[in-house]
Amino acid sequence: MVKIADIELPDFPLLLAPMEDVSDPPFRALCKEQGADVVYTEFISSEGLIRHAAKSTMKLDIYEKERPVGIQIFGANLDSMLEAVDIVEQSNPDIVDINFGCPVKKVVSKGAGAGILKDVCLMEKLTGEIVKRTKLPVTVKTRLGWDHDSIRILEVAERLQDVGCKAISIHGRTRSQMYKGEANWAPIAEVKNNPRMHIPVFGNGDVNSPERAMEMRDRYGLDGAMIGRASIGNPWFFKEVKHYFETGKHLLPITMAERVEAARRHLSMAIAWKGEKLGVFETRRHYTNYFRGIPHFKEYRLRMVTSDDPQDVFDAFDEVEEKFGDHQFA
């Protein structure tokens, strides 16, 4: 068993990573149904929260069926982060997660996200003060370092643990790598094997197959895997990994009818939560993976990602199901 504070999780839990415009309530619900053990919200700007920006506030929506669920915030100003934590607490999540890893320029340029990797003392101070501020367990998601020459993740993890962080998720790339090249899990294993560390250490980056998840567990000895891009349009990934762990065999590919039903539910929930315009727009990135493998998908995809009318998209789903519903595509 793995524990984040008093939250009990199964051995080697699978966590849905916080992803902007991806890990919203509709998608989190689908992933939870398919075996995600912990889900995280999209990352939320502390400055947006304290200014009551509609987009930031909307991201605080969580539902009982998602638990345990973490709300992730980012920022570089201590007062703003503390005020944001007060707002987050009102949504009653199970976990408050701090983003010290987002590599996007508009975040980093403000000293937030992976920008804080340049100032380990600030990382430590922000984490410690947030721990003091809230009754909820505080966790951190970060990267190996700012660049190859400044990897201090062993020290960083110790310092964050020492000020009260209850778990750490580490992406196996530096900020300068962005999402290029291969993730390096060896430094994450060093953190886990550090005899001073006693909190869960989760790995992130390139967990894109059941075999890779097993490698993270068995070869690198980490406490769990945080799944990001492999889950986009593929909420079944969590189920596939767990099936592989239990049987050593791959789960049979699901039928196209099942894929269509998930896409249909996803779009319906997104429209109900975000409204028609945003719901249609923000589910588009999932369709390539929902319908991966079907022949001549380009013509269907074009309709799905260009139409602003949800009925047009639903009609395209129906046509795909009618034509390919009984087929399985790996």
C-alpha atoms as a PDB file:
ATOM      1  CA  MET A   1       0.000   0.000   0.000  1.00  0.00           C
ATOM      2  CA  VAL A   2       1.094   3.575  -0.749  1.00  0.00           C
ATOM      3  CA  LYS A   3      -0.069   6.471   1.432  1.00  0.00           C
ATOM      4  CA  ILE A   4      -0.211  10.194   0.766  1.00  0.00           C
ATOM      5  CA  ALA A   5      -0.615  11.404   4.338  1.00  0.00           C
ATOM      6  CA  ASP A   6      -3.719   9.425   5.428  1.00  0.00           C
ATOM      7  CA  ILE A   7      -4.928   8.687   1.892  1.00  0.00           C
ATOM      8  CA  GLU A   8      -4.503   4.972   1.262  1.00  0.00           C
ATOM      9  CA  LEU A   9      -3.733   3.904  -2.302  1.00  0.00           C
ATOM     10  CA  PRO A  10      -3.021   0.505  -3.851  1.00  0.00           C
ATOM     11  CA  ASP A  11       0.495  -0.721  -4.538  1.00  0.00           C
ATOM     12  CA  PHE A  12       1.981   1.247  -7.438  1.00  0.00           C
ATOM     13  CA  PRO A  13      -0.963   3.608  -7.976  1.00  0.00           C
ATOM     14  CA  LEU A  14      -1.587   5.238 -11.337  1.00  0.00           C
ATOM     15  CA  LEU A  15      -2.137   8.998 -11.250  1.00  0.00           C
ATOM     16  CA  LEU A  16      -3.710  11.148 -13.946  1.00  0.00           C
ATOM     17  CA  ALA A  17      -1.367  14.080 -14.507  1.00  0.00           C
ATOM     18  CA  PRO A  18      -2.600  17.662 -14.405  1.00  0.00           C
ATOM     19  CA  MET A  19      -2.774  18.806 -18.026  1.00  0.00           C
ATOM     20  CA  GLU A  20      -4.034  22.163 -19.247  1.00  0.00           C
ATOM     21  CA  ASP A  21      -7.282  21.870 -21.234  1.00  0.00           C
ATOM     22  CA  VAL A  22      -7.154  18.073 -20.815  1.00  0.00           C
ATOM     23  CA  SER A  23      -7.652  16.910 -17.223  1.00  0.00           C
ATOM     24  CA  ASP A  24     -11.014  18.604 -16.721  1.00  0.00           C
ATOM     25  CA  PRO A  25     -13.950  16.960 -14.887  1.00  0.00           C
ATOM     26  CA  PRO A  26     -15.321  15.065 -17.926  1.00  0.00           C
ATOM     27  CA  PHE A  27     -11.969  13.508 -18.769  1.00  0.00           C
ATOM     28  CA  ARG A  28     -11.110  12.850 -15.133  1.00  0.00           C
ATOM     29  CA  ALA A  29     -14.410  10.978 -14.765  1.00  0.00           C
ATOM     30  CA  LEU A  30     -13.589   8.739 -17.722  1.00  0.00           C
ATOM     31  CA  CYS A  31     -10.088   8.018 -16.434  1.00  0.00           C
ATOM     32  CA  LYS A  32     -11.388   7.285 -12.952  1.00  0.00           C
ATOM     33  CA  GLU A  33     -13.831   4.739 -14.376  1.00  0.00           C
ATOM     34  CA  GLN A  34     -10.931   3.040 -16.153  1.00  0.00           C
ATOM     35  CA  GLY A  35      -8.731   2.674 -13.106  1.00  0.00           C
ATOM     36  CA  ALA A  36      -6.934   5.946 -12.344  1.00  0.00           C
ATOM     37  CA  ASP A  37      -6.220   5.894  -8.603  1.00  0.00           C
ATOM     38  CA  VAL A  38      -5.679   9.643  -8.140  1.00  0.00           C
ATOM     39  CA  VAL A  39      -6.675  12.407 -10.531  1.00  0.00           C
ATOM     40  CA  TYR A  40      -5.479  16.002 -10.643  1.00  0.00           C
ATOM     41  CA  THR A  41      -7.134  19.112 -12.008  1.00  0.00           C
ATOM     42  CA  GLU A  42      -5.664  21.254 -14.714  1.00  0.00           C
ATOM     43  CA  PHE A  43      -3.077  23.552 -13.191  1.00  0.00           C
ATOM     44  CA  ILE A  44      -4.650  26.727 -11.865  1.00  0.00           C
ATOM     45  CA  SER A  45      -3.043  30.149 -11.661  1.00  0.00           C
ATOM     46  CA  SER A  46      -2.889  31.499  -8.121  1.00  0.00           C
ATOM     47  CA  GLU A  47      -3.117  35.020  -9.533  1.00  0.00           C
ATOM     48  CA  GLY A  48      -6.207  34.039 -11.499  1.00  0.00           C
ATOM     49  CA  LEU A  49      -7.838  32.566  -8.397  1.00  0.00           C
ATOM     50  CA  ILE A  50      -7.297  35.572  -6.171  1.00  0.00           C
ATOM     51  CA  ARG A  51      -8.667  37.828  -8.911  1.00  0.00           C
ATOM     52  CA  HIS A  52     -11.674  35.516  -9.300  1.00  0.00           C
ATOM     53  CA  ALA A  53     -10.965  35.001 -13.010  1.00  0.00           C
ATOM     54  CA  ALA A  54     -13.783  32.886 -14.427  1.00  0.00           C
ATOM     55  CA  LYS A  55     -11.517  30.347 -16.163  1.00  0.00           C
ATOM     56  CA  SER A  56      -9.418  29.783 -13.044  1.00  0.00           C
ATOM     57  CA  THR A  57     -12.417  29.539 -10.723  1.00  0.00           C
ATOM     58  CA  MET A  58     -14.173  27.061 -13.010  1.00  0.00           C
ATOM     59  CA  LYS A  59     -11.214  24.685 -12.723  1.00  0.00           C
ATOM     60  CA  LEU A  60     -11.981  24.272  -9.022  1.00  0.00           C
ATOM     61  CA  ASP A  61     -15.027  22.129  -9.844  1.00  0.00           C
ATOM     62  CA  ILE A  62     -14.564  18.620  -8.477  1.00  0.00           C
ATOM     63  CA  TYR A  63     -17.038  15.802  -7.898  1.00  0.00           C
ATOM     64  CA  GLU A  64     -17.365  13.040  -5.304  1.00  0.00           C
ATOM     65  CA  LYS A  65     -16.865  10.277  -7.875  1.00  0.00           C
ATOM     66  CA  GLU A  66     -13.369  11.602  -8.611  1.00  0.00           C
ATOM     67  CA  ARG A  67     -11.895  11.113  -5.157  1.00  0.00           C
ATOM     68  CA  PRO A  68      -9.142  11.120  -4.247  1.00  0.00           C
ATOM     69  CA  VAL A  69      -8.610  14.258  -6.301  1.00  0.00           C
ATOM     70  CA  GLY A  70      -5.921  16.917  -6.114  1.00  0.00           C
ATOM     71  CA  ILE A  71      -6.226  20.554  -7.112  1.00  0.00           C
ATOM     72  CA  GLN A  72      -2.979  21.873  -8.573  1.00  0.00           C
ATOM     73  CA  ILE A  73      -1.950  25.520  -8.344  1.00  0.00           C
ATOM     74  CA  PHE A  74       1.037  27.463  -9.621  1.00  0.00           C
ATOM     75  CA  GLY A  75       2.583  30.820  -8.882  1.00  0.00           C
ATOM     76  CA  ALA A  76       5.718  32.488  -7.570  1.00  0.00           C
ATOM     77  CA  ASN A  77       4.315  35.060  -5.152  1.00  0.00           C
ATOM     78  CA  LEU A  78       3.948  33.753  -1.613  1.00  0.00           C
ATOM     79  CA  ASP A  79       1.011  35.944  -0.601  1.00  0.00           C
ATOM     80  CA  SER A  80      -0.913  35.066  -3.760  1.00  0.00           C
ATOM     81  CA  MET A  81      -0.208  31.349  -3.327  1.00  0.00           C
ATOM     82  CA  LEU A  82      -1.382  31.388   0.280  1.00  0.00           C
ATOM     83  CA  GLU A  83      -4.567  33.262  -0.611  1.00  0.00           C
ATOM     84  CA  ALA A  84      -5.130  30.800  -3.457  1.00  0.00           C
ATOM     85  CA  VAL A  85      -4.789  27.876  -1.039  1.00  0.00           C
ATOM     86  CA  ASP A  86      -7.545  29.384   1.106  1.00  0.00           C
ATOM     87  CA  ILE A  87      -9.783  29.471  -1.981  1.00  0.00           C
ATOM     88  CA  VAL A  88      -8.821  25.930  -2.994  1.00  0.00           C
ATOM     89  CA  GLU A  89      -9.716  24.590   0.459  1.00  0.00           C
ATOM     90  CA  GLN A  90     -13.307  25.732  -0.044  1.00  0.00           C
ATOM     91  CA  SER A  91     -13.658  23.188  -2.878  1.00  0.00           C
ATOM     92  CA  ASN A  92     -12.684  20.449  -0.412  1.00  0.00           C
ATOM     93  CA  PRO A  93     -10.185  18.485  -2.498  1.00  0.00           C
ATOM     94  CA  ASP A  94      -8.216  15.614  -0.993  1.00  0.00           C
ATOM     95  CA  ILE A  95      -4.828  17.066  -1.959  1.00  0.00           C
ATOM     96  CA  VAL A  96      -3.279  20.450  -2.749  1.00  0.00           C
ATOM     97  CA  ASP A  97      -0.572  20.027  -5.392  1.00  0.00           C
ATOM     98  CA  ILE A  98       2.010  22.659  -6.291  1.00  0.00           C
ATOM     99  CA  ASN A  99       3.233  22.916  -9.876  1.00  0.00           C
ATOM    100  CA  PHE A 100       6.987  23.416  -9.953  1.00  0.00           C
ATOM    101  CA  GLY A 101       7.360  21.807 -13.357  1.00  0.00           C
ATOM    102  CA  CYS A 102       5.369  23.493 -16.131  1.00  0.00           C
ATOM    103  CA  PRO A 103       7.912  24.421 -18.840  1.00  0.00           C
ATOM    104  CA  VAL A 104       5.669  26.766 -20.855  1.00  0.00           C
ATOM    105  CA  LYS A 105       7.281  30.145 -21.483  1.00  0.00           C
ATOM    106  CA  LYS A 106       4.360  32.292 -20.315  1.00  0.00           C
ATOM    107  CA  VAL A 107       4.442  30.510 -16.934  1.00  0.00           C
ATOM    108  CA  VAL A 108       8.217  30.291 -16.586  1.00  0.00           C
ATOM    109  CA  SER A 109       8.714  33.954 -17.520  1.00  0.00           C
ATOM    110  CA  LYS A 110       6.831  34.910 -14.355  1.00  0.00           C
ATOM    111  CA  GLY A 111       9.090  32.729 -12.229  1.00  0.00           C
ATOM    112  CA  ALA A 112       6.383  30.107 -11.750  1.00  0.00           C
ATOM    113  CA  GLY A 113       6.159  26.451 -12.761  1.00  0.00           C
ATOM    114  CA  ALA A 114       9.591  25.190 -13.823  1.00  0.00           C
ATOM    115  CA  GLY A 115      10.876  28.748 -13.462  1.00  0.00           C
ATOM    116  CA  ILE A 116      11.182  28.139  -9.732  1.00  0.00           C
ATOM    117  CA  LEU A 117      13.765  25.423 -10.427  1.00  0.00           C
ATOM    118  CA  LYS A 118      16.240  28.302 -10.643  1.00  0.00           C
ATOM    119  CA  ASP A 119      15.489  29.187  -7.014  1.00  0.00           C
ATOM    120  CA  VAL A 120      15.375  26.117  -4.785  1.00  0.00           C
ATOM    121  CA  CYS A 121      15.116  28.284  -1.666  1.00  0.00           C
ATOM    122  CA  LEU A 122      11.892  29.798  -3.014  1.00  0.00           C
ATOM    123  CA  MET A 123      10.546  26.298  -3.809  1.00  0.00           C
ATOM    124  CA  GLU A 124      11.253  25.294  -0.220  1.00  0.00           C
ATOM    125  CA  LYS A 125       9.750  28.453   1.262  1.00  0.00           C
ATOM    126  CA  LEU A 126       6.557  28.311  -0.826  1.00  0.00           C
ATOM    127  CA  THR A 127       6.032  24.635  -0.017  1.00  0.00           C
ATOM    128  CA  GLY A 128       6.667  25.066   3.697  1.00  0.00           C
ATOM    129  CA  GLU A 129       4.356  28.051   4.037  1.00  0.00           C
ATOM    130  CA  ILE A 130       1.578  26.324   2.097  1.00  0.00           C
ATOM    131  CA  VAL A 131       1.926  23.260   4.349  1.00  0.00           C
ATOM    132  CA  LYS A 132       1.466  25.527   7.379  1.00  0.00           C
ATOM    133  CA  ARG A 133      -1.526  27.229   5.768  1.00  0.00           C
ATOM    134  CA  THR A 134      -3.705  24.211   4.999  1.00  0.00           C
ATOM    135  CA  LYS A 135      -4.985  21.121   6.788  1.00  0.00           C
ATOM    136  CA  LEU A 136      -4.864  19.230   3.481  1.00  0.00           C
ATOM    137  CA  PRO A 137      -1.846  17.153   2.417  1.00  0.00           C
ATOM    138  CA  VAL A 138       0.449  19.115   0.112  1.00  0.00           C
ATOM    139  CA  THR A 139       2.229  17.398  -2.770  1.00  0.00           C
ATOM    140  CA  VAL A 140       4.568  18.694  -5.459  1.00  0.00           C
ATOM    141  CA  LYS A 141       5.072  18.020  -9.161  1.00  0.00           C
ATOM    142  CA  THR A 142       8.410  19.086 -10.585  1.00  0.00           C
ATOM    143  CA  ARG A 143      11.199  18.277 -13.062  1.00  0.00           C
ATOM    144  CA  LEU A 144      14.784  17.082 -12.720  1.00  0.00           C
ATOM    145  CA  GLY A 145      16.124  20.629 -12.893  1.00  0.00           C
ATOM    146  CA  TRP A 146      16.299  23.723 -15.041  1.00  0.00           C
ATOM    147  CA  ASP A 147      18.867  22.221 -17.423  1.00  0.00           C
ATOM    148  CA  HIS A 148      21.386  19.387 -17.558  1.00  0.00           C
ATOM    149  CA  ASP A 149      23.963  21.404 -15.592  1.00  0.00           C
ATOM    150  CA  SER A 150      21.634  22.252 -12.722  1.00  0.00           C
ATOM    151  CA  ILE A 151      20.034  18.924 -11.758  1.00  0.00           C
ATOM    152  CA  ARG A 152      19.630  19.010  -7.973  1.00  0.00           C
ATOM    153  CA  ILE A 153      16.543  16.848  -7.635  1.00  0.00           C
ATOM    154  CA  LEU A 154      18.009  14.737  -4.797  1.00  0.00           C
ATOM    155  CA  GLU A 155      18.527  17.845  -2.684  1.00  0.00           C
ATOM    156  CA  VAL A 156      15.255  19.429  -3.806  1.00  0.00           C
ATOM    157  CA  ALA A 157      13.215  16.358  -2.857  1.00  0.00           C
ATOM    158  CA  GLU A 158      14.800  16.190   0.593  1.00  0.00           C
ATOM    159  CA  ARG A 159      14.196  19.856   1.268  1.00  0.00           C
ATOM    160  CA  LEU A 160      10.562  19.709   0.149  1.00  0.00           C
ATOM    161  CA  GLN A 161       9.961  16.614   2.266  1.00  0.00           C
ATOM    162  CA  ASP A 162      11.568  18.279   5.270  1.00  0.00           C
ATOM    163  CA  VAL A 163       9.123  21.197   5.141  1.00  0.00           C
ATOM    164  CA  GLY A 164       6.109  18.880   5.015  1.00  0.00           C
ATOM    165  CA  CYS A 165       5.503  17.801   1.406  1.00  0.00           C
ATOM    166  CA  LYS A 166       3.621  14.465   1.527  1.00  0.00           C
ATOM    167  CA  ALA A 167       4.509  13.115  -1.948  1.00  0.00           C
ATOM    168  CA  ILE A 168       6.523  14.214  -4.954  1.00  0.00           C
ATOM    169  CA  SER A 169       5.952  13.519  -8.652  1.00  0.00           C
ATOM    170  CA  ILE A 170       9.017  14.004 -10.826  1.00  0.00           C
ATOM    171  CA  HIS A 171       9.029  14.388 -14.609  1.00  0.00           C
ATOM    172  CA  GLY A 172      12.198  12.830 -15.988  1.00  0.00           C
ATOM    173  CA  ARG A 173      13.221  15.821 -18.086  1.00  0.00           C
ATOM    174  CA  THR A 174      14.701  19.227 -17.386  1.00  0.00           C
ATOM    175  CA  ARG A 175      12.907  22.426 -18.259  1.00  0.00           C
ATOM    176  CA  SER A 176      15.300  23.049 -21.149  1.00  0.00           C
ATOM    177  CA  GLN A 177      14.269  19.717 -22.690  1.00  0.00           C
ATOM    178  CA  MET A 178      10.590  20.687 -22.646  1.00  0.00           C
ATOM    179  CA  TYR A 179       9.024  17.427 -23.939  1.00  0.00           C
ATOM    180  CA  LYS A 180      11.847  16.488 -26.301  1.00  0.00           C
ATOM    181  CA  GLY A 181      14.180  13.533 -26.088  1.00  0.00           C
ATOM    182  CA  GLU A 182      13.667  10.637 -23.711  1.00  0.00           C
ATOM    183  CA  ALA A 183      12.691  11.003 -20.086  1.00  0.00           C
ATOM    184  CA  ASN A 184      15.480   9.950 -17.715  1.00  0.00           C
ATOM    185  CA  TRP A 185      14.089   7.975 -14.791  1.00  0.00           C
ATOM    186  CA  ALA A 186      17.455   7.180 -13.174  1.00  0.00           C
ATOM    187  CA  PRO A 187      17.594  10.410 -11.121  1.00  0.00           C
ATOM    188  CA  ILE A 188      14.028   9.760  -9.938  1.00  0.00           C
ATOM    189  CA  ALA A 189      15.137   6.318  -8.749  1.00  0.00           C
ATOM    190  CA  GLU A 190      18.001   7.999  -6.873  1.00  0.00           C
ATOM    191  CA  VAL A 191      15.444  10.105  -5.040  1.00  0.00           C
ATOM    192  CA  LYS A 192      13.398   7.026  -4.182  1.00  0.00           C
ATOM    193  CA  ASN A 193      16.472   5.091  -3.007  1.00  0.00           C
ATOM    194  CA  ASN A 194      17.740   7.938  -0.861  1.00  0.00           C
ATOM    195  CA  PRO A 195      17.528   6.526   2.692  1.00  0.00           C
ATOM    196  CA  ARG A 196      16.398   9.933   3.960  1.00  0.00           C
ATOM    197  CA  MET A 197      13.270   9.878   1.806  1.00  0.00           C
ATOM    198  CA  HIS A 198      10.110   8.444   3.326  1.00  0.00           C
ATOM    199  CA  ILE A 199       7.344  10.039   1.237  1.00  0.00           C
ATOM    200  CA  PRO A 200       6.021   8.469  -1.994  1.00  0.00           C
ATOM    201  CA  VAL A 201       8.047   9.224  -5.112  1.00  0.00           C
ATOM    202  CA  PHE A 202       6.051   9.030  -8.342  1.00  0.00           C
ATOM    203  CA  GLY A 203       7.575   8.965 -11.814  1.00  0.00           C
ATOM    204  CA  ASN A 204       6.307  10.915 -14.805  1.00  0.00           C
ATOM    205  CA  GLY A 205       7.327  11.172 -18.445  1.00  0.00           C
ATOM    206  CA  ASP A 206       7.153   8.591 -21.248  1.00  0.00           C
ATOM    207  CA  VAL A 207       4.965   6.093 -19.402  1.00  0.00           C
ATOM    208  CA  ASN A 208       3.359   5.218 -22.726  1.00  0.00           C
ATOM    209  CA  SER A 209       2.852   1.445 -22.511  1.00  0.00           C
ATOM    210  CA  PRO A 210       2.107  -1.190 -19.874  1.00  0.00           C
ATOM    211  CA  GLU A 211       5.670  -2.446 -20.273  1.00  0.00           C
ATOM    212  CA  ARG A 212       7.075   0.989 -19.497  1.00  0.00           C
ATOM    213  CA  ALA A 213       4.881   1.258 -16.412  1.00  0.00           C
ATOM    214  CA  MET A 214       6.161  -2.124 -15.253  1.00  0.00           C
ATOM    215  CA  GLU A 215       9.737  -0.997 -15.882  1.00  0.00           C
ATOM    216  CA  MET A 216       9.139   2.082 -13.742  1.00  0.00           C
ATOM    217  CA  ARG A 217       7.855  -0.180 -10.972  1.00  0.00           C
ATOM    218  CA  ASP A 218      10.253  -3.116 -11.153  1.00  0.00           C
ATOM    219  CA  ARG A 219      13.496  -1.719 -12.531  1.00  0.00           C
ATOM    220  CA  TYR A 220      13.389   1.775 -11.055  1.00  0.00           C
ATOM    221  CA  GLY A 221      11.464   0.901  -7.899  1.00  0.00           C
ATOM    222  CA  LEU A 222       9.231   3.972  -7.867  1.00  0.00           C
ATOM    223  CA  ASP A 223       6.064   4.179  -5.808  1.00  0.00           C
ATOM    224  CA  GLY A 224       3.698   4.876  -8.698  1.00  0.00           C
ATOM    225  CA  ALA A 225       3.353   6.367 -12.161  1.00  0.00           C
ATOM    226  CA  MET A 226       1.813   9.680 -13.165  1.00  0.00           C
ATOM    227  CA  ILE A 227       0.280   9.310 -16.619  1.00  0.00           C
ATOM    228  CA  GLY A 228       0.019  12.282 -18.927  1.00  0.00           C
ATOM    229  CA  ARG A 229       0.046  12.255 -22.710  1.00  0.00           C
ATOM    230  CA  ALA A 230      -0.573   8.491 -23.021  1.00  0.00           C
ATOM    231  CA  SER A 231      -4.045   8.990 -21.555  1.00  0.00           C
ATOM    232  CA  ILE A 232      -5.224  11.713 -23.964  1.00  0.00           C
ATOM    233  CA  GLY A 233      -8.115  10.220 -25.922  1.00  0.00           C
ATOM    234  CA  ASN A 234      -7.225   6.926 -24.266  1.00  0.00           C
ATOM    235  CA  PRO A 235      -8.700   6.711 -20.745  1.00  0.00           C
ATOM    236  CA  TRP A 236      -8.411   2.912 -21.042  1.00  0.00           C
ATOM    237  CA  PHE A 237      -4.664   3.194 -20.582  1.00  0.00           C
ATOM    238  CA  PHE A 238      -5.046   2.869 -16.805  1.00  0.00           C
ATOM    239  CA  LYS A 239      -7.055  -0.329 -17.203  1.00  0.00           C
ATOM    240  CA  GLU A 240      -4.545  -1.705 -19.701  1.00  0.00           C
ATOM    241  CA  VAL A 241      -1.641  -1.160 -17.314  1.00  0.00           C
ATOM    242  CA  LYS A 242      -3.418  -2.792 -14.396  1.00  0.00           C
ATOM    243  CA  HIS A 243      -4.453  -5.773 -16.519  1.00  0.00           C
ATOM    244  CA  TYR A 244      -0.845  -6.205 -17.633  1.00  0.00           C
ATOM    245  CA  PHE A 245       0.377  -6.046 -14.045  1.00  0.00           C
ATOM    246  CA  GLU A 246      -2.119  -8.726 -13.007  1.00  0.00           C
ATOM    247  CA  THR A 247      -1.777 -11.124 -15.943  1.00  0.00           C
ATOM    248  CA  GLY A 248       1.407 -10.287 -17.831  1.00  0.00           C
ATOM    249  CA  LYS A 249      -0.731 -10.048 -20.958  1.00  0.00           C
ATOM    250  CA  HIS A 250      -2.130  -7.175 -22.962  1.00  0.00           C
ATOM    251  CA  LEU A 251      -5.816  -6.394 -22.664  1.00  0.00           C
ATOM    252  CA  LEU A 252      -7.667  -7.071 -25.884  1.00  0.00           C
ATOM    253  CA  PRO A 253      -8.200  -3.842 -27.818  1.00  0.00           C
ATOM    254  CA  ILE A 254     -11.624  -2.340 -27.188  1.00  0.00           C
ATOM    255  CA  THR A 255     -14.074  -2.123 -30.047  1.00  0.00           C
ATOM    256  CA  MET A 256     -14.661   1.018 -32.038  1.00  0.00           C
ATOM    257  CA  ALA A 257     -18.222   1.049 -30.674  1.00  0.00           C
ATOM    258  CA  GLU A 258     -16.766   1.401 -27.164  1.00  0.00           C
ATOM    259  CA  ARG A 259     -14.440   4.139 -28.345  1.00  0.00           C
ATOM    260  CA  VAL A 260     -17.305   6.023 -29.955  1.00  0.00           C
ATOM    261  CA  GLU A 261     -19.398   5.705 -26.804  1.00  0.00           C
ATOM    262  CA  ALA A 262     -16.576   7.164 -24.710  1.00  0.00           C
ATOM    263  CA  ALA A 263     -16.073  10.046 -27.161  1.00  0.00           C
ATOM    264  CA  ARG A 264     -19.806  10.676 -27.163  1.00  0.00           C
ATOM    265  CA  ARG A 265     -19.979  10.737 -23.367  1.00  0.00           C
ATOM    266  CA  HIS A 266     -16.873  12.901 -23.176  1.00  0.00           C
ATOM    267  CA  LEU A 267     -18.304  15.518 -25.514  1.00  0.00           C
ATOM    268  CA  SER A 268     -21.705  15.454 -23.802  1.00  0.00           C
ATOM    269  CA  MET A 269     -20.150  15.973 -20.361  1.00  0.00           C
ATOM    270  CA  ALA A 270     -17.853  18.696 -21.689  1.00  0.00           C
ATOM    271  CA  ILE A 271     -20.781  20.622 -23.159  1.00  0.00           C
ATOM    272  CA  ALA A 272     -22.737  20.258 -19.924  1.00  0.00           C
ATOM    273  CA  TRP A 273     -19.780  21.545 -17.894  1.00  0.00           C
ATOM    274  CA  LYS A 274     -18.207  24.205 -20.153  1.00  0.00           C
ATOM    275  CA  GLY A 275     -21.002  25.136 -22.488  1.00  0.00           C
ATOM    276  CA  GLU A 276     -21.365  24.297 -26.153  1.00  0.00           C
ATOM    277  CA  LYS A 277     -18.552  26.402 -27.622  1.00  0.00           C
ATOM    278  CA  LEU A 278     -15.767  25.447 -25.220  1.00  0.00           C
ATOM    279  CA  GLY A 279     -17.019  21.887 -24.840  1.00  0.00           C
ATOM    280  CA  VAL A 280     -16.769  21.279 -28.576  1.00  0.00           C
ATOM    281  CA  PHE A 281     -13.419  23.039 -28.895  1.00  0.00           C
ATOM    282  CA  GLU A 282     -11.559  21.482 -25.978  1.00  0.00           C
ATOM    283  CA  THR A 283     -12.443  17.862 -26.704  1.00  0.00           C
ATOM    284  CA  ARG A 284     -10.940  18.030 -30.203  1.00  0.00           C
ATOM    285  CA  ARG A 285      -7.442  17.048 -29.102  1.00  0.00           C
ATOM    286  CA  HIS A 286      -8.732  13.663 -27.949  1.00  0.00           C
ATOM    287  CA  TYR A 287     -10.238  12.459 -31.228  1.00  0.00           C
ATOM    288  CA  THR A 288      -7.065  11.291 -32.954  1.00  0.00           C
ATOM    289  CA  ASN A 289      -6.489   8.808 -30.153  1.00  0.00           C
ATOM    290  CA  TYR A 290     -10.131   7.871 -29.640  1.00  0.00           C
ATOM    291  CA  PHE A 291     -10.266   6.783 -33.268  1.00  0.00           C
ATOM    292  CA  ARG A 292      -6.686   5.640 -33.753  1.00  0.00           C
ATOM    293  CA  GLY A 293      -6.263   2.910 -36.341  1.00  0.00           C
ATOM    294  CA  ILE A 294      -9.397   3.298 -38.417  1.00  0.00           C
ATOM    295  CA  PRO A 295      -8.752   3.604 -42.155  1.00  0.00           C
ATOM    296  CA  HIS A 296      -9.377   6.916 -43.897  1.00  0.00           C
ATOM    297  CA  PHE A 297      -9.908   8.680 -40.573  1.00  0.00           C
ATOM    298  CA  LYS A 298      -8.738  11.998 -42.026  1.00  0.00           C
ATOM    299  CA  GLU A 299     -12.139  12.764 -43.539  1.00  0.00           C
ATOM    300  CA  TYR A 300     -13.915  12.094 -40.244  1.00  0.00           C
ATOM    301  CA  ARG A 301     -11.298  13.918 -38.200  1.00  0.00           C
ATOM    302  CA  LEU A 302     -11.627  17.023 -40.350  1.00  0.00           C
ATOM    303  CA  ARG A 303     -15.314  17.219 -39.523  1.00  0.00           C
ATOM    304  CA  MET A 304     -14.758  16.529 -35.821  1.00  0.00           C
ATOM    305  CA  VAL A 305     -12.123  19.222 -35.364  1.00  0.00           C
ATOM    306  CA  THR A 306     -13.545  21.953 -37.583  1.00  0.00           C
ATOM    307  CA  SER A 307     -17.261  21.947 -36.874  1.00  0.00           C
ATOM    308  CA  ASP A 308     -18.575  24.251 -34.151  1.00  0.00           C
ATOM    309  CA  ASP A 309     -21.926  22.479 -34.195  1.00  0.00           C
ATOM    310  CA  PRO A 310     -21.954  19.598 -31.683  1.00  0.00           C
ATOM    311  CA  GLN A 311     -24.596  17.762 -33.699  1.00  0.00           C
ATOM    312  CA  ASP A 312     -22.209  17.593 -36.657  1.00  0.00           C
ATOM    313  CA  VAL A 313     -19.612  16.000 -34.399  1.00  0.00           C
ATOM    314  CA  PHE A 314     -22.110  13.534 -32.937  1.00  0.00           C
ATOM    315  CA  ASP A 315     -23.190  12.642 -36.488  1.00  0.00           C
ATOM    316  CA  ALA A 316     -19.569  11.901 -37.393  1.00  0.00           C
ATOM    317  CA  PHE A 317     -19.325   9.659 -34.324  1.00  0.00           C
ATOM    318  CA  ASP A 318     -22.427   7.797 -35.458  1.00  0.00           C
ATOM    319  CA  GLU A 319     -21.016   7.237 -38.931  1.00  0.00           C
ATOM    320  CA  VAL A 320     -17.767   5.871 -37.516  1.00  0.00           C
ATOM    321  CA  GLU A 321     -19.679   3.528 -35.214  1.00  0.00           C
ATOM    322  CA  GLU A 322     -21.937   2.305 -38.010  1.00  0.00           C
ATOM    323  CA  LYS A 323     -18.987   1.585 -40.273  1.00  0.00           C
ATOM    324  CA  PHE A 324     -16.400   0.267 -37.798  1.00  0.00           C
ATOM    325  CA  GLY A 325     -18.305  -0.481 -34.580  1.00  0.00           C
ATOM    326  CA  ASP A 326     -17.428  -4.186 -34.338  1.00  0.00           C
ATOM    327  CA  HIS A 327     -13.784  -3.716 -35.272  1.00  0.00           C
ATOM    328  CA  GLN A 328     -10.907  -3.695 -32.801  1.00  0.00           C
ATOM    329  CA  PHE A 329      -7.980  -1.438 -33.515  1.00  0.00           C
ATOM    330  CA  ALA A 330      -4.770  -1.721 -31.512  1.00  0.00           C
END
